[in-house]
Amino acid sequence: MSFASDLHAELVKANLTELLKDPLTLNSTPEFLQKLHSNSPRQPTERSRDGAEKWFFKNGSLATFKFPATLDRRGRFDKSSSYFNAVNRNGEAKLNGKSLRNLKAIFELRPLGDDDHWAYMYPDGAVTSSQQAVAAILLIEGALDEKRGRLPDDKQTRIIRTYDEEDRFVFTLTSESILTEKPEEAIHVASSSAQQLAVETSLSPCPAKVKRLMQVESPTTEARDNETPQLRDMPDPEQLFQDFPTHLNDVIKAPPIFNDHQDLISPTKYDLKLPRESLAIVEVWEIKKGGKTERRVMHLRPVNVQLVPFEPKPAQQGTMLLMQEDSKSLQESEAL
């Protein structure tokens, strides 16, 4: 093994070892399930724009968790290339006004396993954490079926998908709609996933207005260049976007996928800069849409997907201090 390979393996192990110390990392399915509020899923206090329900912890915060996995863009269920989820099972892309507004990237995640070709880099506990994430999601889906009634398979979309011929499970990670007509709504690079969720999951002990000090990564040159890409910048091999000239200036909201330098990867360059296969540290939250009398859709929404290995940045490097005044406390437990 070369010196470079040794360094690569050591960095992977160090990244995953730090992950396993994180209190949000899913190491025990029973412990995670015990933290969930019984009144879940439900609408948040501030109703979601898409009407989706979400899972919450007993303390009122949005239920998020982290786990390691393999990002597999070659997988059967992955739709992270041109036209994203507008591509059907036959590989054909079809766009209309509705599908354009609901354009989402779908990433396939493979749980870690002891027989992975890079398993020798995993620290103890990494495979368990990844497998526990599968178990937790399956149990949550099953509990929802018991609570609201199971729907036929053709009336529901689940997070866990199966490769029957290989007898294995994979995750699907679904972004929010990537288009917005308002440039100010575009996602900006943040120094941590917790900051990206701060508005919705704030657990400030004081219900009055408070000032919170946040650290946000100063965008690199590449990040600044890609900060507000537009629909016209997206790959369009079949010229389908050209049929919607009034939307060509719509801003792309980049899913929070970060490269080995912790820079946000623009969806305009996924096929150039997002590996076909990579280890990743994933932080997610779950949502559900639809009721028992209609189609039920369950998604894992990405909070932060950090490709591994990555070189951690010093907290003081490349950051700027922002003072943010909260208009109100979003302590969800008061509404439960």
Protein backbone atom coordinates (compact mmCIF):
# COMPACT_ATOMS: atom_id res chain seq x y z
CA MET A 1 0.00 0.00 0.00
CA SER A 2 1.38 3.42 -0.98
CA PHE A 3 2.00 6.30 1.40
CA ALA A 4 -0.87 8.22 -0.22
CA SER A 5 -3.18 5.25 0.29
CA ASP A 6 -2.14 5.02 3.93
CA LEU A 7 -2.97 8.68 4.46
CA HIS A 8 -6.31 8.25 2.69
CA ALA A 9 -7.26 5.29 4.87
CA GLU A 10 -6.19 7.08 8.05
CA LEU A 11 -8.26 10.14 7.15
CA VAL A 12 -11.34 8.01 6.41
CA LYS A 13 -10.97 6.28 9.74
CA ALA A 14 -10.48 9.60 11.54
CA ASN A 15 -13.57 11.14 9.88
CA LEU A 16 -15.77 8.19 10.78
CA THR A 17 -14.38 7.94 14.30
CA GLU A 18 -15.36 11.56 14.94
CA LEU A 19 -18.81 10.86 13.49
CA LEU A 20 -19.38 8.04 15.97
CA LYS A 21 -18.75 10.49 18.84
CA ASP A 22 -21.48 12.82 17.62
CA PRO A 23 -24.63 12.65 19.80
CA LEU A 24 -26.79 12.78 16.65
CA THR A 25 -25.19 9.65 15.22
CA LEU A 26 -27.56 6.71 15.19
CA ASN A 27 -25.84 3.97 17.18
CA SER A 28 -28.91 2.36 18.78
CA THR A 29 -32.31 2.00 17.12
CA PRO A 30 -34.20 1.49 20.43
CA GLU A 31 -32.63 4.63 21.92
CA PHE A 32 -33.54 6.66 18.85
CA LEU A 33 -37.14 5.43 18.79
CA GLN A 34 -37.54 6.20 22.51
CA LYS A 35 -36.65 9.84 21.78
CA LEU A 36 -39.45 10.27 19.22
CA HIS A 37 -42.58 12.08 20.33
CA SER A 38 -45.74 9.97 20.24
CA ASN A 39 -47.49 12.73 18.31
CA SER A 40 -45.37 12.14 15.21
CA PRO A 41 -45.52 12.64 12.36
CA ARG A 42 -47.35 15.93 12.49
CA GLN A 43 -47.39 19.40 11.02
CA PRO A 44 -44.80 21.76 12.50
CA THR A 45 -45.98 24.93 14.22
CA GLU A 46 -45.11 26.82 11.06
CA ARG A 47 -46.86 24.78 8.40
CA SER A 48 -44.60 23.35 5.71
CA ARG A 49 -44.93 24.91 2.30
CA ASP A 50 -45.64 21.49 0.81
CA GLY A 51 -48.00 20.47 3.63
CA ALA A 52 -45.67 17.68 4.74
CA GLU A 53 -45.69 16.22 8.22
CA LYS A 54 -42.46 15.66 10.13
CA TRP A 55 -41.08 13.57 12.98
CA PHE A 56 -40.11 15.27 16.23
CA PHE A 57 -38.21 14.32 19.36
CA LYS A 58 -39.91 14.47 22.76
CA ASN A 59 -38.05 17.70 23.53
CA GLY A 60 -39.79 19.34 20.56
CA SER A 61 -36.84 19.49 18.17
CA LEU A 62 -36.99 18.17 14.64
CA ALA A 63 -35.89 14.53 14.56
CA THR A 64 -32.55 14.39 12.77
CA PHE A 65 -29.87 11.75 12.82
CA LYS A 66 -26.50 10.97 11.27
CA PHE A 67 -24.99 7.81 9.86
CA PRO A 68 -22.23 6.73 7.47
CA ALA A 69 -23.16 5.28 4.09
CA THR A 70 -21.95 4.85 0.53
CA LEU A 71 -23.30 7.32 -2.00
CA ASP A 72 -23.98 5.18 -5.09
CA ARG A 73 -24.89 7.24 -8.14
CA ARG A 74 -24.80 4.12 -10.29
CA GLY A 75 -27.63 2.57 -8.33
CA ARG A 76 -31.02 1.67 -9.78
CA PHE A 77 -32.89 4.21 -7.67
CA ASP A 78 -30.51 7.13 -8.06
CA LYS A 79 -31.73 10.16 -10.00
CA SER A 80 -28.96 12.69 -9.54
CA SER A 81 -28.03 13.28 -13.18
CA SER A 82 -29.76 15.30 -15.90
CA TYR A 83 -33.45 16.06 -15.19
CA PHE A 84 -33.35 14.31 -11.81
CA ASN A 85 -36.73 12.81 -10.81
CA ALA A 86 -38.29 13.80 -14.15
CA VAL A 87 -36.66 10.66 -15.55
CA ASN A 88 -39.01 7.66 -15.55
CA ARG A 89 -38.23 3.98 -15.00
CA ASN A 90 -37.40 3.57 -18.68
CA GLY A 91 -34.77 6.28 -18.49
CA GLU A 92 -36.91 8.78 -20.40
CA ALA A 93 -37.08 12.40 -19.28
CA LYS A 94 -40.48 14.09 -19.48
CA LEU A 95 -41.14 17.60 -18.26
CA ASN A 96 -44.28 19.65 -17.80
CA GLY A 97 -45.07 22.62 -15.60
CA LYS A 98 -45.80 20.48 -12.53
CA SER A 99 -42.76 18.21 -12.82
CA LEU A 100 -40.52 21.23 -13.37
CA ARG A 101 -41.77 22.85 -10.16
CA ASN A 102 -41.19 19.57 -8.31
CA LEU A 103 -37.76 18.84 -9.76
CA LYS A 104 -35.78 17.00 -7.06
CA ALA A 105 -32.51 15.15 -6.88
CA ILE A 106 -32.71 11.60 -5.53
CA PHE A 107 -29.56 9.96 -4.21
CA GLU A 108 -29.12 6.27 -3.50
CA LEU A 109 -27.30 5.42 -0.30
CA ARG A 110 -25.91 1.96 0.43
CA PRO A 111 -25.46 0.95 4.07
CA LEU A 112 -21.92 0.06 5.04
CA GLY A 113 -21.05 -3.63 5.22
CA ASP A 114 -18.17 -5.77 6.42
CA ASP A 115 -17.56 -6.96 2.86
CA ASP A 116 -17.22 -3.46 1.35
CA HIS A 117 -14.04 -3.00 -0.67
CA TRP A 118 -12.98 -0.18 1.69
CA ALA A 119 -14.18 -1.87 4.90
CA TYR A 120 -10.59 -2.09 6.15
CA MET A 121 -10.78 1.70 6.67
CA TYR A 122 -13.85 1.57 8.93
CA PRO A 123 -13.44 2.06 12.68
CA ASP A 124 -15.33 -0.22 15.04
CA GLY A 125 -18.98 0.75 15.16
CA ALA A 126 -19.24 2.34 11.70
CA VAL A 127 -21.00 -0.62 10.08
CA THR A 128 -23.34 -0.97 13.07
CA SER A 129 -24.33 2.69 12.87
CA SER A 130 -25.11 2.42 9.17
CA GLN A 131 -27.15 -0.75 9.61
CA GLN A 132 -29.00 0.74 12.60
CA ALA A 133 -30.18 3.56 10.34
CA VAL A 134 -31.85 1.00 8.07
CA ALA A 135 -33.49 -0.70 11.03
CA ALA A 136 -34.75 2.59 12.47
CA ILE A 137 -36.36 3.69 9.21
CA LEU A 138 -38.00 0.30 8.65
CA LEU A 139 -39.45 0.38 12.17
CA ILE A 140 -40.71 3.95 11.72
CA GLU A 141 -42.38 3.02 8.43
CA GLY A 142 -43.94 -0.03 10.09
CA ALA A 143 -45.21 2.02 13.04
CA LEU A 144 -46.80 4.49 10.64
CA ASP A 145 -48.59 1.63 8.86
CA GLU A 146 -50.00 0.48 12.21
CA LYS A 147 -51.01 4.00 13.21
CA ARG A 148 -52.69 5.06 9.97
CA GLY A 149 -53.29 1.89 8.03
CA ARG A 150 -51.11 0.28 5.41
CA LEU A 151 -51.60 1.35 1.80
CA PRO A 152 -51.10 -0.77 -1.31
CA ASP A 153 -47.57 -0.65 -2.63
CA ASP A 154 -48.66 1.35 -5.68
CA LYS A 155 -50.09 4.05 -3.39
CA GLN A 156 -46.98 4.75 -1.36
CA THR A 157 -43.37 5.76 -1.81
CA ARG A 158 -40.97 4.49 0.82
CA ILE A 159 -37.45 5.47 1.86
CA ILE A 160 -36.02 1.95 1.93
CA ARG A 161 -35.82 0.19 -1.43
CA THR A 162 -34.85 -3.41 -2.09
CA TYR A 163 -32.64 -5.23 -4.55
CA ASP A 164 -34.54 -8.50 -4.39
CA GLU A 165 -32.07 -10.40 -6.55
CA GLU A 166 -29.25 -9.39 -4.21
CA ASP A 167 -31.26 -9.54 -0.96
CA ARG A 168 -30.19 -6.11 0.24
CA PHE A 169 -31.64 -2.73 1.20
CA VAL A 170 -30.68 0.79 0.15
CA PHE A 171 -31.84 4.28 1.20
CA THR A 172 -33.18 6.97 -1.05
CA LEU A 173 -32.33 10.53 -0.09
CA THR A 174 -34.62 13.12 -1.71
CA SER A 175 -33.82 16.81 -1.92
CA GLU A 176 -36.37 19.56 -1.68
CA SER A 177 -37.50 21.10 -4.98
CA ILE A 178 -34.40 22.63 -6.50
CA LEU A 179 -36.05 25.58 -8.28
CA THR A 180 -37.06 28.90 -6.85
CA GLU A 181 -38.08 32.10 -8.58
CA LYS A 182 -36.50 34.18 -5.80
CA PRO A 183 -32.67 34.39 -5.82
CA GLU A 184 -32.62 35.25 -2.11
CA GLU A 185 -34.07 31.81 -1.33
CA ALA A 186 -31.06 30.01 -2.80
CA ILE A 187 -29.09 27.88 -0.35
CA HIS A 188 -25.82 29.43 0.86
CA VAL A 189 -22.84 27.52 2.16
CA ALA A 190 -23.00 27.06 5.93
CA SER A 191 -20.35 25.84 8.28
CA SER A 192 -22.52 23.12 9.77
CA SER A 193 -25.77 21.35 9.16
CA ALA A 194 -27.05 22.46 12.57
CA GLN A 195 -26.89 26.05 11.41
CA GLN A 196 -28.87 25.22 8.31
CA LEU A 197 -31.66 23.93 10.55
CA ALA A 198 -31.32 26.59 13.23
CA VAL A 199 -34.49 28.45 12.34
CA GLU A 200 -36.65 25.35 12.48
CA THR A 201 -35.05 23.46 15.34
CA SER A 202 -34.07 26.28 17.67
CA LEU A 203 -34.13 25.12 21.28
CA SER A 204 -33.44 28.52 22.80
CA PRO A 205 -34.45 28.32 26.50
CA CYS A 206 -35.87 31.83 26.36
CA PRO A 207 -39.16 32.29 24.45
CA ALA A 208 -38.43 36.01 24.09
CA LYS A 209 -36.29 37.46 21.35
CA VAL A 210 -32.69 36.48 21.70
CA LYS A 211 -29.56 37.08 19.72
CA ARG A 212 -27.67 34.07 18.52
CA LEU A 213 -24.11 34.03 17.33
CA MET A 214 -23.69 31.84 14.27
CA GLN A 215 -20.60 30.91 12.32
CA VAL A 216 -21.00 30.53 8.59
CA GLU A 217 -18.30 29.43 6.20
CA SER A 218 -16.94 32.16 3.99
CA PRO A 219 -17.63 30.81 0.50
CA THR A 220 -14.62 29.84 -1.56
CA THR A 221 -14.15 31.19 -5.07
CA GLU A 222 -15.83 28.06 -6.45
CA ALA A 223 -18.72 28.37 -4.01
CA ARG A 224 -19.23 32.04 -4.90
CA ASP A 225 -19.25 31.20 -8.60
CA ASN A 226 -21.94 28.56 -8.04
CA GLU A 227 -23.89 30.35 -5.33
CA THR A 228 -26.87 31.24 -7.52
CA PRO A 229 -26.86 29.04 -10.63
CA GLN A 230 -29.99 29.26 -12.74
CA LEU A 231 -32.02 26.70 -14.63
CA ARG A 232 -30.32 27.78 -17.84
CA ASP A 233 -27.02 26.59 -16.32
CA MET A 234 -28.25 23.04 -15.73
CA PRO A 235 -27.20 20.24 -18.08
CA ASP A 236 -29.90 20.00 -20.75
CA PRO A 237 -28.84 17.27 -23.22
CA GLU A 238 -32.34 16.94 -24.68
CA GLN A 239 -33.06 20.68 -24.65
CA LEU A 240 -36.14 20.12 -22.46
CA PHE A 241 -35.59 23.19 -20.29
CA GLN A 242 -35.71 25.36 -23.40
CA ASP A 243 -39.44 24.63 -23.59
CA PHE A 244 -39.87 26.74 -20.42
CA PRO A 245 -38.29 30.10 -21.34
CA THR A 246 -40.02 31.93 -18.48
CA HIS A 247 -38.25 29.64 -15.99
CA LEU A 248 -34.72 29.77 -17.39
CA ASN A 249 -33.77 32.45 -14.86
CA ASP A 250 -35.18 30.49 -11.92
CA VAL A 251 -32.51 29.98 -9.27
CA ILE A 252 -31.22 26.52 -8.40
CA LYS A 253 -31.33 25.64 -4.67
CA ALA A 254 -28.40 23.31 -4.24
CA PRO A 255 -28.92 20.25 -2.03
CA PRO A 256 -26.41 20.32 0.86
CA ILE A 257 -23.83 17.98 -0.69
CA PHE A 258 -20.24 18.91 0.20
CA ASN A 259 -16.97 17.79 -1.40
CA ASP A 260 -13.71 16.81 0.27
CA HIS A 261 -12.86 20.49 0.76
CA GLN A 262 -16.25 21.05 2.43
CA ASP A 263 -17.43 23.18 -0.49
CA LEU A 264 -21.01 22.95 -1.72
CA ILE A 265 -21.24 21.02 -4.99
CA SER A 266 -23.42 22.78 -7.53
CA PRO A 267 -26.11 20.60 -9.18
CA THR A 268 -24.93 22.07 -12.47
CA LYS A 269 -21.73 20.05 -12.07
CA TYR A 270 -22.83 16.80 -10.46
CA ASP A 271 -21.68 14.69 -13.39
CA LEU A 272 -18.28 16.40 -13.29
CA LYS A 273 -17.62 16.77 -9.58
CA LEU A 274 -19.84 14.35 -7.67
CA PRO A 275 -18.22 10.88 -7.66
CA ARG A 276 -20.17 7.91 -8.97
CA GLU A 277 -19.38 6.18 -5.69
CA SER A 278 -18.15 7.68 -2.44
CA LEU A 279 -18.24 7.21 1.29
CA ALA A 280 -20.34 9.88 2.96
CA ILE A 281 -21.43 11.14 6.36
CA VAL A 282 -25.13 11.80 6.10
CA GLU A 283 -27.38 13.87 8.34
CA VAL A 284 -31.09 13.70 7.57
CA TRP A 285 -34.60 14.34 8.81
CA GLU A 286 -37.75 12.53 7.82
CA ILE A 287 -40.96 13.84 6.39
CA LYS A 288 -44.24 12.28 5.33
CA LYS A 289 -46.89 13.52 2.95
CA GLY A 290 -50.36 12.17 2.28
CA GLY A 291 -52.88 10.36 4.43
CA LYS A 292 -54.33 6.88 4.55
CA THR A 293 -56.99 7.68 1.94
CA GLU A 294 -54.52 8.97 -0.63
CA ARG A 295 -50.98 8.44 -1.79
CA ARG A 296 -48.44 8.35 1.03
CA VAL A 297 -44.97 9.64 0.32
CA MET A 298 -42.09 9.29 2.76
CA HIS A 299 -38.75 11.01 2.23
CA LEU A 300 -35.41 11.35 3.91
CA ARG A 301 -34.41 14.98 3.44
CA PRO A 302 -30.66 15.77 3.40
CA VAL A 303 -29.48 18.20 6.05
CA ASN A 304 -25.81 17.64 5.28
CA VAL A 305 -24.03 15.08 3.11
CA GLN A 306 -20.27 15.30 3.56
CA LEU A 307 -18.13 13.20 1.23
CA VAL A 308 -15.40 11.20 2.95
CA PRO A 309 -12.51 11.60 3.38
CA PHE A 310 -12.36 15.31 4.08
CA GLU A 311 -9.79 17.45 5.85
CA PRO A 312 -11.48 19.18 8.81
CA LYS A 313 -11.09 22.94 8.78
CA PRO A 314 -10.06 24.83 11.93
CA ALA A 315 -13.05 26.57 13.48
CA GLN A 316 -11.35 29.94 13.10
CA GLN A 317 -10.42 29.50 9.44
CA GLY A 318 -12.58 30.96 6.70
CA THR A 319 -15.46 31.90 8.96
CA MET A 320 -17.35 35.09 9.55
CA LEU A 321 -19.50 35.98 12.51
CA LEU A 322 -23.13 36.78 11.91
CA MET A 323 -25.51 38.19 14.46
CA GLN A 324 -29.00 36.87 13.94
CA GLU A 325 -32.04 38.04 15.88
CA ASP A 326 -34.75 35.45 16.37
CA SER A 327 -38.24 36.84 15.87
CA LYS A 328 -39.62 34.16 18.14
CA SER A 329 -38.77 30.92 19.82
CA LEU A 330 -39.56 27.80 17.83
CA GLN A 331 -39.54 25.48 20.81
CA GLU A 332 -41.88 22.86 19.41
CA SER A 333 -42.52 21.20 22.74
CA GLU A 334 -44.77 24.06 23.78
CA ALA A 335 -47.14 23.14 20.95
CA LEU A 336 -47.19 19.40 21.69
